Amino acid sequence: MDYVFEKVWNETVNKVSAQFGEKLDYKAILFLIGVQELGKDFQTFKKDQKVELMHVGICTVLMPYGYYSFVGRDVDGWPHFERTATLPALNPEEQELLIRKAIVKYFEPLK
């Protein structure tokens, strides 16, 4: 286990969670990143929109790794991405670790 990363991850989770009054998991943080990247005022989202917001979050955090690039926004203002590299074959634990590392990197400028 990478104790240094886990410390940084927990600091990031605590900082983001503090704004919402409850501890968030990485999926909730991805959703919030998607909402932030959408750039609209808070609103109630339908189930399919929530899934799309998580996708926006995933694409956003994986852009620095070269897996996605930003294409533009549609007429409703939703961001769109294209895959620019094949994601490696990872087991679920490795996938989660990659996403968590990407989330930490996303929030680094805020430190």
N, C-alpha and C. Protein backbone atom coordinates (compact mmCIF):
# COMPACT_ATOMS: atom_id res chain seq x y z
N MET A 1 0.85 -1.19 0.00
CA MET A 1 0.00 0.00 0.00
C MET A 1 0.89 1.24 0.00
N ASP A 2 0.49 2.21 -0.79
CA ASP A 2 1.21 3.47 -0.89
C ASP A 2 0.65 4.43 0.17
N TYR A 3 1.30 4.46 1.33
CA TYR A 3 0.80 5.24 2.47
C TYR A 3 0.86 6.75 2.19
N VAL A 4 1.85 7.17 1.42
CA VAL A 4 1.96 8.60 1.09
C VAL A 4 0.75 9.02 0.25
N PHE A 5 0.43 8.21 -0.78
CA PHE A 5 -0.73 8.55 -1.60
C PHE A 5 -2.01 8.50 -0.78
N GLU A 6 -2.17 7.49 0.05
CA GLU A 6 -3.40 7.37 0.84
C GLU A 6 -3.58 8.59 1.75
N LYS A 7 -2.48 9.13 2.27
CA LYS A 7 -2.56 10.34 3.10
C LYS A 7 -3.05 11.51 2.26
N VAL A 8 -2.47 11.68 1.07
CA VAL A 8 -2.87 12.77 0.18
C VAL A 8 -4.33 12.58 -0.26
N TRP A 9 -4.71 11.35 -0.56
CA TRP A 9 -6.09 11.05 -0.96
C TRP A 9 -7.06 11.44 0.17
N ASN A 10 -6.75 11.03 1.39
CA ASN A 10 -7.63 11.35 2.52
C ASN A 10 -7.71 12.85 2.75
N GLU A 11 -6.62 13.55 2.58
CA GLU A 11 -6.65 15.02 2.71
C GLU A 11 -7.56 15.63 1.66
N THR A 12 -7.47 15.14 0.43
CA THR A 12 -8.32 15.63 -0.66
C THR A 12 -9.78 15.35 -0.37
N VAL A 13 -10.09 14.12 0.02
CA VAL A 13 -11.47 13.75 0.34
C VAL A 13 -12.01 14.62 1.47
N ASN A 14 -11.21 14.81 2.50
CA ASN A 14 -11.66 15.61 3.64
C ASN A 14 -11.93 17.06 3.24
N LYS A 15 -11.07 17.61 2.40
CA LYS A 15 -11.23 18.99 1.95
C LYS A 15 -12.52 19.14 1.13
N VAL A 16 -12.75 18.23 0.19
CA VAL A 16 -13.95 18.29 -0.64
C VAL A 16 -15.19 17.99 0.20
N SER A 17 -15.10 16.99 1.05
CA SER A 17 -16.24 16.57 1.87
C SER A 17 -16.67 17.65 2.85
N ALA A 18 -15.72 18.43 3.33
CA ALA A 18 -16.04 19.47 4.32
C ALA A 18 -17.08 20.45 3.79
N GLN A 19 -17.10 20.65 2.50
CA GLN A 19 -18.05 21.59 1.90
C GLN A 19 -19.47 21.03 1.89
N PHE A 20 -19.62 19.72 2.11
CA PHE A 20 -20.92 19.08 2.01
C PHE A 20 -21.40 18.47 3.31
N GLY A 21 -20.56 18.52 4.34
CA GLY A 21 -20.97 18.05 5.64
C GLY A 21 -21.03 16.54 5.81
N GLU A 22 -20.54 15.81 4.84
CA GLU A 22 -20.48 14.35 4.96
C GLU A 22 -19.32 13.84 4.12
N LYS A 23 -18.79 12.67 4.52
CA LYS A 23 -17.64 12.13 3.80
C LYS A 23 -18.11 11.55 2.46
N LEU A 24 -17.46 12.00 1.39
CA LEU A 24 -17.81 11.57 0.04
C LEU A 24 -16.87 10.46 -0.42
N ASP A 25 -17.40 9.56 -1.24
CA ASP A 25 -16.54 8.56 -1.85
C ASP A 25 -16.09 9.07 -3.23
N TYR A 26 -15.24 8.30 -3.90
CA TYR A 26 -14.69 8.79 -5.16
C TYR A 26 -15.76 8.95 -6.23
N LYS A 27 -16.81 8.15 -6.19
CA LYS A 27 -17.88 8.28 -7.18
C LYS A 27 -18.65 9.59 -6.98
N ALA A 28 -18.91 9.95 -5.75
CA ALA A 28 -19.59 11.22 -5.47
C ALA A 28 -18.71 12.39 -5.89
N ILE A 29 -17.41 12.27 -5.68
CA ILE A 29 -16.50 13.34 -6.08
C ILE A 29 -16.46 13.46 -7.60
N LEU A 30 -16.48 12.32 -8.31
CA LEU A 30 -16.53 12.38 -9.78
C LEU A 30 -17.79 13.08 -10.25
N PHE A 31 -18.91 12.80 -9.60
CA PHE A 31 -20.17 13.46 -9.94
C PHE A 31 -20.03 14.97 -9.74
N LEU A 32 -19.46 15.38 -8.62
CA LEU A 32 -19.29 16.81 -8.35
C LEU A 32 -18.34 17.48 -9.36
N ILE A 33 -17.32 16.77 -9.77
CA ILE A 33 -16.43 17.30 -10.80
C ILE A 33 -17.21 17.49 -12.10
N GLY A 34 -18.05 16.52 -12.43
CA GLY A 34 -18.89 16.64 -13.62
C GLY A 34 -19.80 17.84 -13.55
N VAL A 35 -20.42 18.07 -12.39
CA VAL A 35 -21.30 19.23 -12.20
C VAL A 35 -20.49 20.52 -12.36
N GLN A 36 -19.31 20.55 -11.76
CA GLN A 36 -18.46 21.73 -11.86
C GLN A 36 -18.07 22.00 -13.31
N GLU A 37 -17.70 20.95 -14.03
CA GLU A 37 -17.29 21.11 -15.42
C GLU A 37 -18.47 21.49 -16.32
N LEU A 38 -19.67 21.08 -15.95
CA LEU A 38 -20.86 21.48 -16.70
C LEU A 38 -21.03 22.99 -16.60
N GLY A 39 -20.73 23.54 -15.43
CA GLY A 39 -20.71 24.98 -15.26
C GLY A 39 -22.06 25.65 -15.16
N LYS A 40 -23.07 24.91 -14.78
CA LYS A 40 -24.40 25.50 -14.64
C LYS A 40 -24.74 25.60 -13.16
N ASP A 41 -25.73 26.41 -12.85
CA ASP A 41 -26.20 26.52 -11.48
C ASP A 41 -26.72 25.17 -11.01
N PHE A 42 -26.74 24.99 -9.69
CA PHE A 42 -27.22 23.74 -9.12
C PHE A 42 -28.65 23.48 -9.59
N GLN A 43 -28.91 22.26 -9.92
CA GLN A 43 -30.24 21.86 -10.36
C GLN A 43 -30.45 20.39 -10.03
N THR A 44 -31.67 19.95 -10.16
CA THR A 44 -31.95 18.53 -9.98
C THR A 44 -31.71 17.83 -11.30
N PHE A 45 -30.94 16.75 -11.26
CA PHE A 45 -30.61 16.02 -12.47
C PHE A 45 -31.37 14.72 -12.53
N LYS A 46 -31.75 14.32 -13.74
CA LYS A 46 -32.38 13.02 -13.96
C LYS A 46 -31.30 11.95 -13.86
N LYS A 47 -31.75 10.70 -13.72
CA LYS A 47 -30.80 9.60 -13.54
C LYS A 47 -29.80 9.52 -14.70
N ASP A 48 -30.26 9.65 -15.94
CA ASP A 48 -29.34 9.56 -17.07
C ASP A 48 -28.38 10.74 -17.10
N GLN A 49 -28.82 11.90 -16.62
CA GLN A 49 -27.93 13.05 -16.54
C GLN A 49 -26.86 12.84 -15.47
N LYS A 50 -27.23 12.18 -14.38
CA LYS A 50 -26.24 11.89 -13.33
C LYS A 50 -25.15 10.97 -13.86
N VAL A 51 -25.55 9.97 -14.64
CA VAL A 51 -24.58 9.05 -15.24
C VAL A 51 -23.67 9.83 -16.19
N GLU A 52 -24.27 10.72 -16.99
CA GLU A 52 -23.49 11.53 -17.92
C GLU A 52 -22.53 12.46 -17.17
N LEU A 53 -22.96 13.01 -16.04
CA LEU A 53 -22.08 13.87 -15.25
C LEU A 53 -20.89 13.09 -14.69
N MET A 54 -21.13 11.84 -14.31
CA MET A 54 -20.00 11.01 -13.85
C MET A 54 -19.03 10.77 -15.01
N HIS A 55 -19.58 10.57 -16.21
CA HIS A 55 -18.74 10.38 -17.39
C HIS A 55 -17.91 11.64 -17.66
N VAL A 56 -18.53 12.81 -17.53
CA VAL A 56 -17.82 14.08 -17.69
C VAL A 56 -16.69 14.16 -16.66
N GLY A 57 -16.99 13.77 -15.42
CA GLY A 57 -15.97 13.77 -14.37
C GLY A 57 -14.81 12.85 -14.71
N ILE A 58 -15.11 11.65 -15.17
CA ILE A 58 -14.07 10.69 -15.52
C ILE A 58 -13.21 11.21 -16.66
N CYS A 59 -13.86 11.70 -17.72
CA CYS A 59 -13.10 12.22 -18.86
C CYS A 59 -12.23 13.39 -18.44
N THR A 60 -12.76 14.27 -17.61
CA THR A 60 -12.03 15.44 -17.16
C THR A 60 -10.77 15.06 -16.39
N VAL A 61 -10.91 14.14 -15.43
CA VAL A 61 -9.74 13.80 -14.60
C VAL A 61 -8.73 12.95 -15.36
N LEU A 62 -9.17 12.25 -16.41
CA LEU A 62 -8.24 11.42 -17.18
C LEU A 62 -7.60 12.17 -18.36
N MET A 63 -8.04 13.40 -18.63
CA MET A 63 -7.43 14.17 -19.72
C MET A 63 -5.92 14.37 -19.52
N PRO A 64 -5.46 14.74 -18.32
CA PRO A 64 -4.00 14.93 -18.15
C PRO A 64 -3.18 13.67 -18.41
N TYR A 65 -3.81 12.51 -18.36
CA TYR A 65 -3.12 11.25 -18.60
C TYR A 65 -3.13 10.89 -20.09
N GLY A 66 -3.80 11.71 -20.92
CA GLY A 66 -3.82 11.48 -22.35
C GLY A 66 -4.88 10.52 -22.85
N TYR A 67 -5.81 10.13 -21.99
CA TYR A 67 -6.84 9.18 -22.41
C TYR A 67 -8.03 9.85 -23.11
N TYR A 68 -8.28 11.11 -22.81
CA TYR A 68 -9.39 11.85 -23.40
C TYR A 68 -8.93 13.25 -23.75
N SER A 69 -9.62 13.84 -24.73
CA SER A 69 -9.41 15.25 -25.03
C SER A 69 -10.78 15.92 -25.14
N PHE A 70 -10.80 17.18 -24.81
CA PHE A 70 -12.03 17.97 -24.85
C PHE A 70 -12.33 18.31 -26.30
N VAL A 71 -13.58 18.04 -26.72
CA VAL A 71 -13.99 18.31 -28.09
C VAL A 71 -14.74 19.64 -28.18
N GLY A 72 -15.58 19.89 -27.20
CA GLY A 72 -16.37 21.11 -27.20
C GLY A 72 -17.66 20.90 -26.43
N ARG A 73 -18.54 21.87 -26.54
CA ARG A 73 -19.83 21.80 -25.85
C ARG A 73 -20.95 21.73 -26.86
N ASP A 74 -22.02 21.03 -26.48
CA ASP A 74 -23.18 20.96 -27.35
C ASP A 74 -24.06 22.20 -27.15
N VAL A 75 -25.19 22.25 -27.82
CA VAL A 75 -26.05 23.43 -27.75
C VAL A 75 -26.60 23.66 -26.35
N ASP A 76 -26.65 22.62 -25.53
CA ASP A 76 -27.13 22.76 -24.15
C ASP A 76 -25.99 23.07 -23.17
N GLY A 77 -24.78 23.17 -23.68
CA GLY A 77 -23.65 23.52 -22.83
C GLY A 77 -22.93 22.33 -22.21
N TRP A 78 -23.33 21.12 -22.56
CA TRP A 78 -22.69 19.93 -22.00
C TRP A 78 -21.33 19.69 -22.67
N PRO A 79 -20.29 19.45 -21.89
CA PRO A 79 -18.97 19.17 -22.47
C PRO A 79 -18.93 17.78 -23.09
N HIS A 80 -18.18 17.68 -24.18
CA HIS A 80 -18.00 16.40 -24.86
C HIS A 80 -16.52 16.13 -25.05
N PHE A 81 -16.18 14.86 -25.03
CA PHE A 81 -14.79 14.41 -25.08
C PHE A 81 -14.67 13.30 -26.12
N GLU A 82 -13.44 13.09 -26.57
CA GLU A 82 -13.17 11.92 -27.40
C GLU A 82 -12.02 11.16 -26.76
N ARG A 83 -12.08 9.86 -26.89
CA ARG A 83 -11.01 9.03 -26.35
C ARG A 83 -9.81 9.16 -27.27
N THR A 84 -8.65 9.46 -26.71
CA THR A 84 -7.44 9.66 -27.51
C THR A 84 -6.42 8.54 -27.29
N ALA A 85 -6.66 7.71 -26.31
CA ALA A 85 -5.79 6.56 -26.05
C ALA A 85 -6.62 5.46 -25.41
N THR A 86 -6.21 4.25 -25.62
CA THR A 86 -6.90 3.11 -25.02
C THR A 86 -6.53 3.01 -23.56
N LEU A 87 -7.56 2.88 -22.74
CA LEU A 87 -7.31 2.69 -21.31
C LEU A 87 -6.69 1.32 -21.10
N PRO A 88 -5.78 1.21 -20.15
CA PRO A 88 -5.16 -0.10 -19.90
C PRO A 88 -6.17 -1.07 -19.29
N ALA A 89 -5.90 -2.34 -19.48
CA ALA A 89 -6.74 -3.37 -18.86
C ALA A 89 -6.41 -3.42 -17.37
N LEU A 90 -7.36 -2.98 -16.57
CA LEU A 90 -7.15 -2.92 -15.12
C LEU A 90 -8.25 -3.67 -14.40
N ASN A 91 -7.91 -4.26 -13.28
CA ASN A 91 -8.95 -4.87 -12.45
C ASN A 91 -9.66 -3.74 -11.70
N PRO A 92 -10.79 -4.02 -11.06
CA PRO A 92 -11.56 -2.95 -10.40
C PRO A 92 -10.75 -2.14 -9.38
N GLU A 93 -9.87 -2.79 -8.62
CA GLU A 93 -9.07 -2.07 -7.64
C GLU A 93 -8.09 -1.12 -8.32
N GLU A 94 -7.49 -1.58 -9.42
CA GLU A 94 -6.55 -0.73 -10.16
C GLU A 94 -7.28 0.44 -10.83
N GLN A 95 -8.49 0.18 -11.33
CA GLN A 95 -9.30 1.25 -11.93
C GLN A 95 -9.60 2.33 -10.89
N GLU A 96 -10.01 1.89 -9.71
CA GLU A 96 -10.32 2.84 -8.64
C GLU A 96 -9.08 3.64 -8.25
N LEU A 97 -7.95 3.00 -8.16
CA LEU A 97 -6.71 3.70 -7.81
C LEU A 97 -6.35 4.74 -8.87
N LEU A 98 -6.47 4.39 -10.15
CA LEU A 98 -6.20 5.33 -11.22
C LEU A 98 -7.12 6.55 -11.11
N ILE A 99 -8.40 6.31 -10.90
CA ILE A 99 -9.37 7.40 -10.77
C ILE A 99 -9.05 8.26 -9.55
N ARG A 100 -8.75 7.63 -8.43
CA ARG A 100 -8.44 8.40 -7.22
C ARG A 100 -7.19 9.26 -7.42
N LYS A 101 -6.17 8.71 -8.08
CA LYS A 101 -4.96 9.49 -8.36
C LYS A 101 -5.29 10.66 -9.29
N ALA A 102 -6.15 10.42 -10.26
CA ALA A 102 -6.55 11.48 -11.19
C ALA A 102 -7.35 12.56 -10.48
N ILE A 103 -8.18 12.17 -9.52
CA ILE A 103 -8.95 13.15 -8.74
C ILE A 103 -8.00 14.02 -7.92
N VAL A 104 -7.02 13.40 -7.28
CA VAL A 104 -6.04 14.16 -6.50
C VAL A 104 -5.35 15.17 -7.40
N LYS A 105 -4.95 14.74 -8.59
CA LYS A 105 -4.27 15.62 -9.53
C LYS A 105 -5.20 16.77 -9.95
N TYR A 106 -6.47 16.48 -10.14
CA TYR A 106 -7.45 17.50 -10.52
C TYR A 106 -7.53 18.61 -9.48
N PHE A 107 -7.47 18.22 -8.21
CA PHE A 107 -7.60 19.20 -7.12
C PHE A 107 -6.28 19.83 -6.69
N GLU A 108 -5.15 19.38 -7.23
CA GLU A 108 -3.84 19.94 -6.85
C GLU A 108 -3.76 21.45 -6.99
N PRO A 109 -4.27 22.04 -8.07
CA PRO A 109 -4.16 23.51 -8.18
C PRO A 109 -4.85 24.27 -7.05
N LEU A 110 -5.76 23.62 -6.33
CA LEU A 110 -6.48 24.27 -5.25
C LEU A 110 -5.68 24.30 -3.96
N LYS A 111 -4.58 23.61 -3.91
CA LYS A 111 -3.79 23.53 -2.66
C LYS A 111 -3.03 24.80 -2.43
